Amino acid sequence: MAATSRTVIVFPAVLLALAALAACGGDGGAGGGSSANGGADTGTAQATPLFPDNFKGVCSGASVSSAAAYVPAATGHKALYFTTHGDGLTDRSHSLPPDWTLLFSPDSDALRAIDLVVCARRTAARQVKVCDGYQNHGRPTQNGVRWHTATYALSVREARTGRTLAETTLDASDSNCPMFMSFDNDTDVIDGYASPSDSAVADFLRPHIMH
């Protein structure tokens, strides 16, 4: 394949990792003792904010008890969207229509309003080409991408219970080479996969968001 002028983003092998806050806590329960004002607990610790990663387990049937309950007849619903990345899942909620999702904010616990989780798990893939012609700051590299079309199992689930509301199969057939990719060095050759189209995911989710 003829080389084209693409841009390579090179990262060191050791990446800085974001530290996730881990905390154990319940949404309620009895305190260890009574207080002088008739048993009211005035020292209850503030609940730990929810992060997008707290919702990944919903794609495997886990539940997020502190998420909003899904009430089908309600006029407003908010969703997070996860898709296969490497051996796990990555948050792609930014690809949903903006009024269908919420962003994490350190100043609020906005994600407690999430009541739906959309999951796209890659179930099959077929290599269709090897992409080359990538550059690092204008310099040619030996980088390449083994590009695959893919099939995904798409599901929408209740965030609070993990219950599956609907599921389908979706083919991602985009065979265009990606313009930007991340490599460890200038000779790295990696696998890349087509993703479900944003419009197809939105069409699948729409009946559960809008009434």
N, C-alpha and C. Protein backbone atom coordinates (compact mmCIF):
# COMPACT_ATOMS: atom_id res chain seq x y z
N MET A 1 0.86 -1.19 0.00
CA MET A 1 0.00 0.00 0.00
C MET A 1 0.89 1.24 0.00
N ALA A 2 0.53 2.18 -0.82
CA ALA A 2 1.32 3.40 -0.91
C ALA A 2 1.31 4.13 0.41
N ALA A 3 2.47 4.67 0.76
CA ALA A 3 2.57 5.40 2.03
C ALA A 3 1.80 6.71 1.93
N THR A 4 1.12 7.03 2.97
CA THR A 4 0.40 8.28 3.05
C THR A 4 0.92 9.07 4.23
N SER A 5 0.64 10.34 4.23
CA SER A 5 1.16 11.21 5.29
C SER A 5 0.22 11.19 6.47
N ARG A 6 0.49 10.29 7.42
CA ARG A 6 -0.29 10.23 8.65
C ARG A 6 0.59 10.66 9.80
N THR A 7 -0.04 10.95 10.88
CA THR A 7 0.70 11.42 12.06
C THR A 7 0.74 10.32 13.10
N VAL A 8 1.91 10.06 13.63
CA VAL A 8 2.06 9.08 14.69
C VAL A 8 2.25 9.80 16.01
N ILE A 9 1.56 9.33 17.02
CA ILE A 9 1.75 9.86 18.37
C ILE A 9 2.50 8.81 19.15
N VAL A 10 3.72 9.10 19.54
CA VAL A 10 4.57 8.12 20.21
C VAL A 10 4.59 8.37 21.70
N PHE A 11 4.30 7.34 22.46
CA PHE A 11 4.32 7.43 23.91
C PHE A 11 5.42 6.53 24.45
N PRO A 12 6.02 6.88 25.59
CA PRO A 12 6.99 5.98 26.20
C PRO A 12 6.32 4.70 26.66
N ALA A 13 7.07 3.66 26.83
CA ALA A 13 6.51 2.37 27.21
C ALA A 13 5.86 2.43 28.58
N VAL A 14 6.41 3.26 29.45
CA VAL A 14 5.83 3.40 30.78
C VAL A 14 4.98 4.66 30.80
N LEU A 15 3.70 4.50 30.96
CA LEU A 15 2.77 5.63 30.96
C LEU A 15 2.41 5.98 32.39
N LEU A 16 2.11 7.26 32.56
CA LEU A 16 1.62 7.69 33.87
C LEU A 16 0.21 7.17 34.04
N ALA A 17 -0.06 6.55 35.16
CA ALA A 17 -1.39 5.99 35.42
C ALA A 17 -2.16 6.93 36.32
N LEU A 18 -3.43 7.07 36.02
CA LEU A 18 -4.30 7.85 36.89
C LEU A 18 -4.68 7.00 38.09
N ALA A 19 -4.53 7.56 39.27
CA ALA A 19 -4.87 6.81 40.48
C ALA A 19 -6.37 6.87 40.70
N ALA A 20 -6.98 5.72 40.82
CA ALA A 20 -8.42 5.66 41.07
C ALA A 20 -8.68 5.69 42.57
N LEU A 21 -9.69 6.43 42.90
CA LEU A 21 -10.08 6.46 44.31
C LEU A 21 -10.83 5.19 44.63
N ALA A 22 -10.39 4.49 45.67
CA ALA A 22 -11.07 3.26 46.07
C ALA A 22 -11.55 3.46 47.49
N ALA A 23 -12.80 3.24 47.67
CA ALA A 23 -13.34 3.39 49.02
C ALA A 23 -14.48 2.43 49.20
N CYS A 24 -14.60 1.93 50.39
CA CYS A 24 -15.72 1.05 50.72
C CYS A 24 -16.69 1.85 51.58
N GLY A 25 -17.96 1.75 51.25
CA GLY A 25 -18.94 2.47 52.04
C GLY A 25 -20.32 2.08 51.61
N GLY A 26 -21.26 2.22 52.49
CA GLY A 26 -22.64 1.90 52.16
C GLY A 26 -23.44 3.15 51.98
N ASP A 27 -24.64 2.96 51.43
CA ASP A 27 -25.53 4.09 51.24
C ASP A 27 -26.32 4.39 52.51
N GLY A 28 -26.24 3.53 53.49
CA GLY A 28 -27.00 3.78 54.71
C GLY A 28 -26.65 2.72 55.73
N GLY A 29 -27.41 2.65 56.80
CA GLY A 29 -27.16 1.63 57.81
C GLY A 29 -27.13 2.27 59.18
N ALA A 30 -27.20 1.41 60.19
CA ALA A 30 -27.23 1.91 61.56
C ALA A 30 -25.84 2.28 62.01
N GLY A 31 -25.76 3.33 62.83
CA GLY A 31 -24.47 3.75 63.36
C GLY A 31 -24.08 2.90 64.54
N GLY A 32 -22.85 3.04 64.97
CA GLY A 32 -22.36 2.22 66.07
C GLY A 32 -22.91 2.65 67.40
N GLY A 33 -23.50 3.84 67.53
CA GLY A 33 -24.04 4.27 68.81
C GLY A 33 -25.03 5.38 68.60
N SER A 34 -25.78 5.69 69.63
CA SER A 34 -26.79 6.74 69.51
C SER A 34 -26.20 8.05 69.95
N SER A 35 -26.79 9.12 69.45
CA SER A 35 -26.31 10.45 69.81
C SER A 35 -27.29 11.11 70.75
N ALA A 36 -26.89 12.25 71.28
CA ALA A 36 -27.70 12.92 72.30
C ALA A 36 -28.96 13.54 71.74
N ASN A 37 -29.09 13.64 70.42
CA ASN A 37 -30.28 14.28 69.87
C ASN A 37 -31.31 13.26 69.42
N GLY A 38 -31.37 12.13 70.13
CA GLY A 38 -32.43 11.17 69.85
C GLY A 38 -32.01 10.13 68.83
N GLY A 39 -30.70 9.93 68.59
CA GLY A 39 -30.25 8.86 67.72
C GLY A 39 -29.85 9.34 66.34
N ALA A 40 -30.08 10.59 65.98
CA ALA A 40 -29.69 11.08 64.65
C ALA A 40 -28.17 11.10 64.55
N ASP A 41 -27.65 10.59 63.43
CA ASP A 41 -26.21 10.53 63.25
C ASP A 41 -25.75 11.81 62.55
N THR A 42 -25.11 12.67 63.28
CA THR A 42 -24.68 13.96 62.72
C THR A 42 -23.28 13.86 62.13
N GLY A 43 -22.64 12.69 62.23
CA GLY A 43 -21.27 12.56 61.74
C GLY A 43 -21.16 11.66 60.53
N THR A 44 -22.25 11.46 59.76
CA THR A 44 -22.22 10.57 58.61
C THR A 44 -21.24 11.07 57.56
N ALA A 45 -20.35 10.19 57.11
CA ALA A 45 -19.35 10.58 56.11
C ALA A 45 -20.03 10.79 54.76
N GLN A 46 -19.51 11.73 54.01
CA GLN A 46 -20.05 12.00 52.69
C GLN A 46 -19.74 10.83 51.76
N ALA A 47 -20.73 10.44 50.93
CA ALA A 47 -20.56 9.32 50.02
C ALA A 47 -19.45 9.60 49.02
N THR A 48 -18.71 8.55 48.65
CA THR A 48 -17.64 8.69 47.67
C THR A 48 -18.25 8.94 46.30
N PRO A 49 -17.78 9.94 45.57
CA PRO A 49 -18.32 10.20 44.24
C PRO A 49 -18.14 9.01 43.30
N LEU A 50 -19.07 8.85 42.39
CA LEU A 50 -18.98 7.79 41.39
C LEU A 50 -18.13 8.26 40.21
N PHE A 51 -17.31 7.35 39.70
CA PHE A 51 -16.49 7.58 38.52
C PHE A 51 -17.02 6.71 37.38
N PRO A 52 -16.69 7.03 36.12
CA PRO A 52 -17.12 6.16 35.02
C PRO A 52 -16.71 4.70 35.23
N ASP A 53 -15.50 4.47 35.75
CA ASP A 53 -15.04 3.10 35.94
C ASP A 53 -15.93 2.30 36.90
N ASN A 54 -16.65 2.99 37.79
CA ASN A 54 -17.55 2.28 38.69
C ASN A 54 -18.67 1.57 37.94
N PHE A 55 -18.92 1.98 36.70
CA PHE A 55 -20.04 1.43 35.94
C PHE A 55 -19.61 0.34 34.95
N LYS A 56 -18.32 0.09 34.78
CA LYS A 56 -17.87 -0.92 33.82
C LYS A 56 -18.44 -2.30 34.13
N GLY A 57 -18.52 -2.64 35.41
CA GLY A 57 -19.02 -3.95 35.80
C GLY A 57 -20.44 -4.22 35.38
N VAL A 58 -21.21 -3.16 35.13
CA VAL A 58 -22.60 -3.34 34.70
C VAL A 58 -22.64 -4.13 33.39
N CYS A 59 -21.61 -3.99 32.56
CA CYS A 59 -21.56 -4.72 31.28
C CYS A 59 -21.40 -6.22 31.49
N SER A 60 -21.05 -6.63 32.72
CA SER A 60 -20.95 -8.05 33.05
C SER A 60 -22.06 -8.49 34.00
N GLY A 61 -23.07 -7.63 34.17
CA GLY A 61 -24.21 -7.97 35.02
C GLY A 61 -24.11 -7.47 36.44
N ALA A 62 -23.02 -6.76 36.78
CA ALA A 62 -22.90 -6.20 38.13
C ALA A 62 -23.85 -5.01 38.28
N SER A 63 -24.02 -4.57 39.51
CA SER A 63 -24.94 -3.47 39.78
C SER A 63 -24.22 -2.33 40.46
N VAL A 64 -24.75 -1.13 40.31
CA VAL A 64 -24.25 0.06 41.02
C VAL A 64 -25.42 0.56 41.86
N SER A 65 -25.44 0.16 43.11
CA SER A 65 -26.61 0.41 43.95
C SER A 65 -26.89 1.88 44.17
N SER A 66 -25.86 2.72 44.06
CA SER A 66 -26.06 4.15 44.29
C SER A 66 -26.39 4.92 43.02
N ALA A 67 -26.50 4.22 41.88
CA ALA A 67 -26.92 4.87 40.64
C ALA A 67 -28.42 5.11 40.67
N ALA A 68 -28.90 5.93 39.76
CA ALA A 68 -30.33 6.23 39.69
C ALA A 68 -31.09 5.00 39.20
N ALA A 69 -32.30 4.84 39.71
CA ALA A 69 -33.17 3.76 39.24
C ALA A 69 -33.70 4.11 37.85
N TYR A 70 -33.76 3.11 36.98
CA TYR A 70 -34.31 3.33 35.64
C TYR A 70 -35.82 3.19 35.69
N VAL A 71 -36.51 4.28 35.41
CA VAL A 71 -37.97 4.30 35.35
C VAL A 71 -38.34 4.57 33.89
N PRO A 72 -38.79 3.56 33.15
CA PRO A 72 -39.01 3.73 31.70
C PRO A 72 -39.86 4.93 31.32
N ALA A 73 -40.87 5.24 32.12
CA ALA A 73 -41.78 6.33 31.77
C ALA A 73 -41.22 7.71 32.09
N ALA A 74 -40.10 7.77 32.78
CA ALA A 74 -39.52 9.08 33.12
C ALA A 74 -39.12 9.82 31.86
N THR A 75 -39.13 11.13 31.93
CA THR A 75 -38.83 11.94 30.75
C THR A 75 -37.33 12.12 30.52
N GLY A 76 -36.53 11.93 31.55
CA GLY A 76 -35.10 12.14 31.41
C GLY A 76 -34.30 10.91 31.81
N HIS A 77 -33.37 10.51 30.96
CA HIS A 77 -32.47 9.39 31.26
C HIS A 77 -31.05 9.78 30.88
N LYS A 78 -30.08 9.23 31.58
CA LYS A 78 -28.68 9.50 31.30
C LYS A 78 -27.92 8.17 31.22
N ALA A 79 -27.01 8.08 30.24
CA ALA A 79 -26.31 6.83 29.99
C ALA A 79 -24.80 7.03 29.92
N LEU A 80 -24.07 5.96 30.21
CA LEU A 80 -22.66 5.86 29.92
C LEU A 80 -22.48 4.76 28.86
N TYR A 81 -21.41 4.87 28.06
CA TYR A 81 -21.18 3.94 26.96
C TYR A 81 -19.76 3.40 27.03
N PHE A 82 -19.63 2.07 27.06
CA PHE A 82 -18.33 1.41 27.11
C PHE A 82 -18.17 0.47 25.93
N THR A 83 -16.95 0.41 25.40
CA THR A 83 -16.66 -0.50 24.30
C THR A 83 -15.33 -1.18 24.54
N THR A 84 -15.12 -2.30 23.86
CA THR A 84 -13.91 -3.10 24.03
C THR A 84 -12.66 -2.29 23.69
N HIS A 85 -11.67 -2.39 24.58
CA HIS A 85 -10.36 -1.78 24.34
C HIS A 85 -9.33 -2.67 24.98
N GLY A 86 -8.45 -3.28 24.17
CA GLY A 86 -7.48 -4.21 24.72
C GLY A 86 -8.20 -5.39 25.36
N ASP A 87 -7.84 -5.68 26.59
CA ASP A 87 -8.47 -6.79 27.30
C ASP A 87 -9.65 -6.34 28.17
N GLY A 88 -10.00 -5.07 28.10
CA GLY A 88 -11.08 -4.58 28.94
C GLY A 88 -12.04 -3.69 28.19
N LEU A 89 -12.56 -2.71 28.90
CA LEU A 89 -13.53 -1.76 28.33
C LEU A 89 -13.03 -0.34 28.53
N THR A 90 -13.39 0.52 27.63
CA THR A 90 -13.04 1.93 27.77
C THR A 90 -14.28 2.78 27.63
N ASP A 91 -14.28 3.93 28.29
CA ASP A 91 -15.42 4.83 28.30
C ASP A 91 -15.45 5.65 27.00
N ARG A 92 -16.53 5.49 26.23
CA ARG A 92 -16.71 6.27 25.01
C ARG A 92 -18.00 7.09 25.08
N SER A 93 -18.37 7.48 26.29
CA SER A 93 -19.62 8.22 26.47
C SER A 93 -19.64 9.53 25.71
N HIS A 94 -18.45 10.09 25.42
CA HIS A 94 -18.38 11.36 24.68
C HIS A 94 -18.97 11.22 23.28
N SER A 95 -19.11 10.00 22.77
CA SER A 95 -19.65 9.82 21.43
C SER A 95 -21.18 9.78 21.41
N LEU A 96 -21.81 9.75 22.60
CA LEU A 96 -23.27 9.83 22.67
C LEU A 96 -23.72 11.27 22.49
N PRO A 97 -24.97 11.50 22.08
CA PRO A 97 -25.48 12.87 22.07
C PRO A 97 -25.27 13.52 23.44
N PRO A 98 -24.82 14.77 23.49
CA PRO A 98 -24.44 15.40 24.77
C PRO A 98 -25.53 15.38 25.83
N ASP A 99 -26.80 15.48 25.42
CA ASP A 99 -27.86 15.52 26.42
C ASP A 99 -28.30 14.13 26.87
N TRP A 100 -27.62 13.09 26.39
CA TRP A 100 -27.94 11.73 26.81
C TRP A 100 -26.97 11.22 27.88
N THR A 101 -25.94 11.96 28.19
CA THR A 101 -24.92 11.47 29.11
C THR A 101 -24.51 12.57 30.07
N LEU A 102 -23.60 12.24 30.98
CA LEU A 102 -23.08 13.20 31.95
C LEU A 102 -21.57 13.04 32.04
N LEU A 103 -20.89 14.12 32.33
CA LEU A 103 -19.46 14.09 32.51
C LEU A 103 -19.11 14.06 33.99
N PHE A 104 -18.04 13.36 34.31
CA PHE A 104 -17.56 13.37 35.69
C PHE A 104 -17.08 14.77 36.05
N SER A 105 -17.41 15.21 37.24
CA SER A 105 -16.93 16.48 37.75
C SER A 105 -16.44 16.28 39.18
N PRO A 106 -15.23 16.75 39.49
CA PRO A 106 -14.74 16.60 40.86
C PRO A 106 -15.51 17.45 41.86
N ASP A 107 -16.31 18.39 41.37
CA ASP A 107 -17.04 19.29 42.25
C ASP A 107 -18.46 18.82 42.56
N SER A 108 -18.87 17.71 41.93
CA SER A 108 -20.22 17.20 42.19
C SER A 108 -20.24 15.70 41.96
N ASP A 109 -21.30 15.07 42.40
CA ASP A 109 -21.46 13.63 42.20
C ASP A 109 -22.45 13.40 41.08
N ALA A 110 -22.17 13.98 39.91
CA ALA A 110 -23.12 14.00 38.81
C ALA A 110 -23.48 12.61 38.32
N LEU A 111 -22.54 11.66 38.40
CA LEU A 111 -22.79 10.35 37.81
C LEU A 111 -23.79 9.51 38.59
N ARG A 112 -24.22 9.97 39.76
CA ARG A 112 -25.30 9.25 40.46
C ARG A 112 -26.62 9.35 39.70
N ALA A 113 -26.71 10.27 38.75
CA ALA A 113 -27.92 10.39 37.94
C ALA A 113 -27.92 9.44 36.75
N ILE A 114 -26.82 8.70 36.53
CA ILE A 114 -26.78 7.72 35.44
C ILE A 114 -27.72 6.57 35.76
N ASP A 115 -28.61 6.24 34.81
CA ASP A 115 -29.50 5.11 35.02
C ASP A 115 -29.38 4.02 33.95
N LEU A 116 -28.59 4.28 32.89
CA LEU A 116 -28.40 3.30 31.82
C LEU A 116 -26.92 3.15 31.49
N VAL A 117 -26.54 1.96 31.08
CA VAL A 117 -25.18 1.70 30.61
C VAL A 117 -25.28 0.94 29.29
N VAL A 118 -24.59 1.44 28.27
CA VAL A 118 -24.54 0.79 26.97
C VAL A 118 -23.19 0.11 26.83
N CYS A 119 -23.19 -1.14 26.37
CA CYS A 119 -21.97 -1.93 26.29
C CYS A 119 -21.80 -2.48 24.87
N ALA A 120 -20.62 -2.28 24.30
CA ALA A 120 -20.29 -2.86 22.99
C ALA A 120 -19.07 -3.75 23.17
N ARG A 121 -19.29 -5.06 23.22
CA ARG A 121 -18.19 -6.01 23.38
C ARG A 121 -17.84 -6.62 22.03
N ARG A 122 -16.57 -6.54 21.65
CA ARG A 122 -16.14 -7.10 20.37
C ARG A 122 -16.13 -8.63 20.47
N THR A 123 -16.83 -9.29 19.55
CA THR A 123 -16.95 -10.74 19.58
C THR A 123 -16.22 -11.42 18.42
N ALA A 124 -15.89 -10.68 17.38
CA ALA A 124 -15.17 -11.25 16.24
C ALA A 124 -14.48 -10.13 15.49
N ALA A 125 -13.41 -10.47 14.76
CA ALA A 125 -12.68 -9.47 13.99
C ALA A 125 -12.01 -10.15 12.80
N ARG A 126 -11.81 -9.37 11.73
CA ARG A 126 -11.17 -9.89 10.52
C ARG A 126 -10.20 -8.84 10.00
N GLN A 127 -8.93 -9.22 9.89
CA GLN A 127 -7.94 -8.27 9.37
C GLN A 127 -8.19 -8.03 7.89
N VAL A 128 -8.23 -6.74 7.51
CA VAL A 128 -8.52 -6.40 6.12
C VAL A 128 -7.36 -5.69 5.43
N LYS A 129 -6.42 -5.16 6.18
CA LYS A 129 -5.28 -4.49 5.58
C LYS A 129 -4.24 -4.16 6.64
N VAL A 130 -3.07 -3.75 6.17
CA VAL A 130 -2.04 -3.20 7.05
C VAL A 130 -1.83 -1.74 6.65
N CYS A 131 -2.02 -0.84 7.57
CA CYS A 131 -1.89 0.59 7.32
C CYS A 131 -0.45 1.01 7.62
N ASP A 132 0.12 1.86 6.75
CA ASP A 132 1.47 2.35 6.98
C ASP A 132 1.55 3.83 6.60
N GLY A 133 2.76 4.35 6.46
CA GLY A 133 2.92 5.75 6.11
C GLY A 133 2.81 6.71 7.27
N TYR A 134 2.93 6.23 8.50
CA TYR A 134 2.82 7.09 9.67
C TYR A 134 4.12 7.88 9.88
N GLN A 135 3.98 9.07 10.43
CA GLN A 135 5.12 9.94 10.67
C GLN A 135 5.16 10.37 12.13
N ASN A 136 6.35 10.63 12.60
CA ASN A 136 6.58 11.14 13.95
C ASN A 136 7.21 12.52 13.82
N HIS A 137 6.42 13.57 14.05
CA HIS A 137 6.88 14.95 13.90
C HIS A 137 7.48 15.18 12.51
N GLY A 138 6.81 14.65 11.50
CA GLY A 138 7.23 14.84 10.12
C GLY A 138 8.26 13.85 9.63
N ARG A 139 8.77 12.99 10.51
CA ARG A 139 9.76 11.99 10.11
C ARG A 139 9.08 10.66 9.82
N PRO A 140 9.40 10.01 8.70
CA PRO A 140 8.82 8.70 8.39
C PRO A 140 9.17 7.68 9.47
N THR A 141 8.28 6.76 9.71
CA THR A 141 8.51 5.69 10.68
C THR A 141 8.22 4.35 10.01
N GLN A 142 8.51 3.30 10.73
CA GLN A 142 8.18 1.94 10.28
C GLN A 142 6.92 1.44 10.95
N ASN A 143 6.19 2.33 11.57
CA ASN A 143 4.97 1.93 12.26
C ASN A 143 3.92 1.40 11.30
N GLY A 144 3.12 0.50 11.81
CA GLY A 144 2.03 -0.04 11.02
C GLY A 144 0.86 -0.42 11.91
N VAL A 145 -0.31 -0.51 11.31
CA VAL A 145 -1.52 -0.91 12.02
C VAL A 145 -2.18 -2.04 11.25
N ARG A 146 -2.32 -3.19 11.90
CA ARG A 146 -3.09 -4.29 11.32
C ARG A 146 -4.56 -3.98 11.55
N TRP A 147 -5.24 -3.53 10.50
CA TRP A 147 -6.60 -3.01 10.66
C TRP A 147 -7.64 -4.10 10.46
N HIS A 148 -8.63 -4.13 11.37
CA HIS A 148 -9.66 -5.15 11.36
C HIS A 148 -11.05 -4.52 11.31
N THR A 149 -11.94 -5.14 10.55
CA THR A 149 -13.36 -4.89 10.75
C THR A 149 -13.80 -5.81 11.89
N ALA A 150 -14.94 -5.52 12.51
CA ALA A 150 -15.29 -6.26 13.73
C ALA A 150 -16.80 -6.40 13.90
N THR A 151 -17.16 -7.36 14.74
CA THR A 151 -18.55 -7.57 15.14
C THR A 151 -18.65 -7.34 16.64
N TYR A 152 -19.71 -6.67 17.06
CA TYR A 152 -19.90 -6.33 18.47
C TYR A 152 -21.25 -6.82 18.98
N ALA A 153 -21.25 -7.30 20.21
CA ALA A 153 -22.50 -7.57 20.93
C ALA A 153 -22.87 -6.30 21.67
N LEU A 154 -23.98 -5.70 21.29
CA LEU A 154 -24.41 -4.42 21.86
C LEU A 154 -25.56 -4.65 22.82
N SER A 155 -25.46 -4.07 24.01
CA SER A 155 -26.52 -4.22 25.00
C SER A 155 -26.73 -2.91 25.75
N VAL A 156 -27.93 -2.74 26.27
CA VAL A 156 -28.22 -1.61 27.15
C VAL A 156 -28.76 -2.19 28.45
N ARG A 157 -28.25 -1.71 29.56
CA ARG A 157 -28.55 -2.30 30.86
C ARG A 157 -28.92 -1.23 31.88
N GLU A 158 -29.69 -1.63 32.87
CA GLU A 158 -30.00 -0.74 33.99
C GLU A 158 -28.75 -0.61 34.85
N ALA A 159 -28.35 0.62 35.13
CA ALA A 159 -27.13 0.84 35.91
C ALA A 159 -27.27 0.32 37.34
N ARG A 160 -28.42 0.51 37.94
CA ARG A 160 -28.58 0.14 39.35
C ARG A 160 -28.64 -1.36 39.55
N THR A 161 -29.20 -2.11 38.60
CA THR A 161 -29.41 -3.55 38.79
C THR A 161 -28.56 -4.43 37.88
N GLY A 162 -28.03 -3.88 36.79
CA GLY A 162 -27.31 -4.69 35.82
C GLY A 162 -28.21 -5.47 34.88
N ARG A 163 -29.53 -5.30 35.02
CA ARG A 163 -30.48 -6.04 34.19
C ARG A 163 -30.41 -5.58 32.74
N THR A 164 -30.37 -6.55 31.81
CA THR A 164 -30.33 -6.25 30.38
C THR A 164 -31.71 -5.87 29.88
N LEU A 165 -31.81 -4.70 29.24
CA LEU A 165 -33.08 -4.24 28.68
C LEU A 165 -33.22 -4.61 27.21
N ALA A 166 -32.13 -4.62 26.47
CA ALA A 166 -32.16 -4.97 25.06
C ALA A 166 -30.75 -5.32 24.61
N GLU A 167 -30.65 -6.12 23.57
CA GLU A 167 -29.34 -6.47 23.02
C GLU A 167 -29.47 -6.79 21.55
N THR A 168 -28.36 -6.62 20.83
CA THR A 168 -28.33 -6.87 19.40
C THR A 168 -26.89 -7.12 18.98
N THR A 169 -26.70 -7.42 17.71
CA THR A 169 -25.36 -7.59 17.14
C THR A 169 -25.14 -6.51 16.11
N LEU A 170 -23.93 -5.93 16.11
CA LEU A 170 -23.63 -4.80 15.23
C LEU A 170 -22.28 -5.03 14.55
N ASP A 171 -22.26 -4.85 13.23
CA ASP A 171 -21.01 -4.97 12.47
C ASP A 171 -20.37 -3.59 12.30
N ALA A 172 -19.08 -3.52 12.53
CA ALA A 172 -18.30 -2.30 12.30
C ALA A 172 -17.44 -2.57 11.08
N SER A 173 -17.79 -1.99 9.93
CA SER A 173 -17.17 -2.36 8.67
C SER A 173 -16.27 -1.27 8.09
N ASP A 174 -15.97 -0.25 8.86
CA ASP A 174 -15.11 0.83 8.36
C ASP A 174 -13.71 0.28 8.08
N SER A 175 -13.29 0.35 6.82
CA SER A 175 -11.98 -0.19 6.44
C SER A 175 -10.95 0.90 6.21
N ASN A 176 -11.27 2.14 6.55
CA ASN A 176 -10.32 3.25 6.37
C ASN A 176 -9.23 3.21 7.44
N CYS A 177 -8.01 3.45 7.02
CA CYS A 177 -6.90 3.48 7.98
C CYS A 177 -7.04 4.68 8.92
N PRO A 178 -6.76 4.50 10.19
CA PRO A 178 -6.85 5.62 11.14
C PRO A 178 -5.76 6.64 10.89
N MET A 179 -6.11 7.92 11.00
CA MET A 179 -5.14 8.99 10.78
C MET A 179 -4.17 9.15 11.94
N PHE A 180 -4.64 8.90 13.15
CA PHE A 180 -3.81 9.07 14.34
C PHE A 180 -3.80 7.78 15.14
N MET A 181 -2.62 7.34 15.53
CA MET A 181 -2.49 6.16 16.38
C MET A 181 -1.34 6.40 17.37
N SER A 182 -1.35 5.66 18.45
CA SER A 182 -0.31 5.76 19.47
C SER A 182 0.57 4.52 19.44
N PHE A 183 1.89 4.73 19.39
CA PHE A 183 2.84 3.63 19.35
C PHE A 183 3.88 3.82 20.46
N ASP A 184 4.53 2.73 20.84
CA ASP A 184 5.57 2.81 21.86
C ASP A 184 6.89 3.31 21.29
N ASN A 185 7.11 3.08 19.98
CA ASN A 185 8.35 3.49 19.35
C ASN A 185 8.12 3.61 17.85
N ASP A 186 9.15 3.93 17.08
CA ASP A 186 9.00 4.19 15.65
C ASP A 186 8.98 2.93 14.79
N THR A 187 9.04 1.75 15.41
CA THR A 187 8.97 0.50 14.64
C THR A 187 7.79 -0.37 15.08
N ASP A 188 7.00 0.10 16.02
CA ASP A 188 5.90 -0.67 16.59
C ASP A 188 4.82 -0.92 15.54
N VAL A 189 4.33 -2.15 15.47
CA VAL A 189 3.19 -2.51 14.61
C VAL A 189 2.10 -3.06 15.53
N ILE A 190 0.92 -2.46 15.48
CA ILE A 190 -0.13 -2.80 16.44
C ILE A 190 -1.42 -3.19 15.71
N ASP A 191 -2.36 -3.73 16.47
CA ASP A 191 -3.68 -4.08 15.93
C ASP A 191 -4.64 -2.92 16.16
N GLY A 192 -5.50 -2.67 15.19
CA GLY A 192 -6.54 -1.66 15.32
C GLY A 192 -7.86 -2.24 14.84
N TYR A 193 -8.96 -1.75 15.40
CA TYR A 193 -10.27 -2.32 15.12
C TYR A 193 -11.28 -1.22 14.83
N ALA A 194 -12.12 -1.48 13.85
CA ALA A 194 -13.22 -0.56 13.58
C ALA A 194 -14.18 -0.56 14.76
N SER A 195 -14.73 0.61 15.07
CA SER A 195 -15.69 0.75 16.18
C SER A 195 -17.10 0.86 15.64
N PRO A 196 -18.09 0.50 16.44
CA PRO A 196 -19.48 0.72 16.01
C PRO A 196 -19.70 2.19 15.71
N SER A 197 -20.47 2.48 14.69
CA SER A 197 -20.71 3.88 14.35
C SER A 197 -21.54 4.55 15.45
N ASP A 198 -21.25 5.83 15.69
CA ASP A 198 -21.98 6.57 16.72
C ASP A 198 -23.48 6.58 16.42
N SER A 199 -23.84 6.68 15.15
CA SER A 199 -25.26 6.75 14.79
C SER A 199 -25.97 5.43 15.06
N ALA A 200 -25.27 4.30 14.82
CA ALA A 200 -25.88 3.00 15.08
C ALA A 200 -26.10 2.78 16.57
N VAL A 201 -25.14 3.19 17.38
CA VAL A 201 -25.30 3.07 18.84
C VAL A 201 -26.43 3.96 19.32
N ALA A 202 -26.51 5.17 18.80
CA ALA A 202 -27.58 6.09 19.19
C ALA A 202 -28.95 5.55 18.80
N ASP A 203 -29.06 4.97 17.60
CA ASP A 203 -30.33 4.40 17.16
C ASP A 203 -30.78 3.27 18.08
N PHE A 204 -29.81 2.46 18.53
CA PHE A 204 -30.12 1.35 19.44
C PHE A 204 -30.58 1.85 20.80
N LEU A 205 -29.93 2.90 21.29
CA LEU A 205 -30.22 3.41 22.64
C LEU A 205 -31.45 4.30 22.67
N ARG A 206 -31.77 4.96 21.57
CA ARG A 206 -32.82 5.99 21.55
C ARG A 206 -34.15 5.55 22.19
N PRO A 207 -34.68 4.36 21.92
CA PRO A 207 -35.97 3.99 22.52
C PRO A 207 -35.97 3.96 24.05
N HIS A 208 -34.79 3.82 24.63
CA HIS A 208 -34.69 3.75 26.10
C HIS A 208 -34.38 5.12 26.71
N ILE A 209 -34.00 6.07 25.88
CA ILE A 209 -33.69 7.41 26.34
C ILE A 209 -34.88 8.35 26.13
N MET A 210 -35.51 8.23 24.98
CA MET A 210 -36.57 9.15 24.59
C MET A 210 -37.90 8.43 24.50
N HIS A 211 -38.95 9.06 25.01
CA HIS A 211 -40.28 8.45 25.01
C HIS A 211 -41.30 9.42 24.42
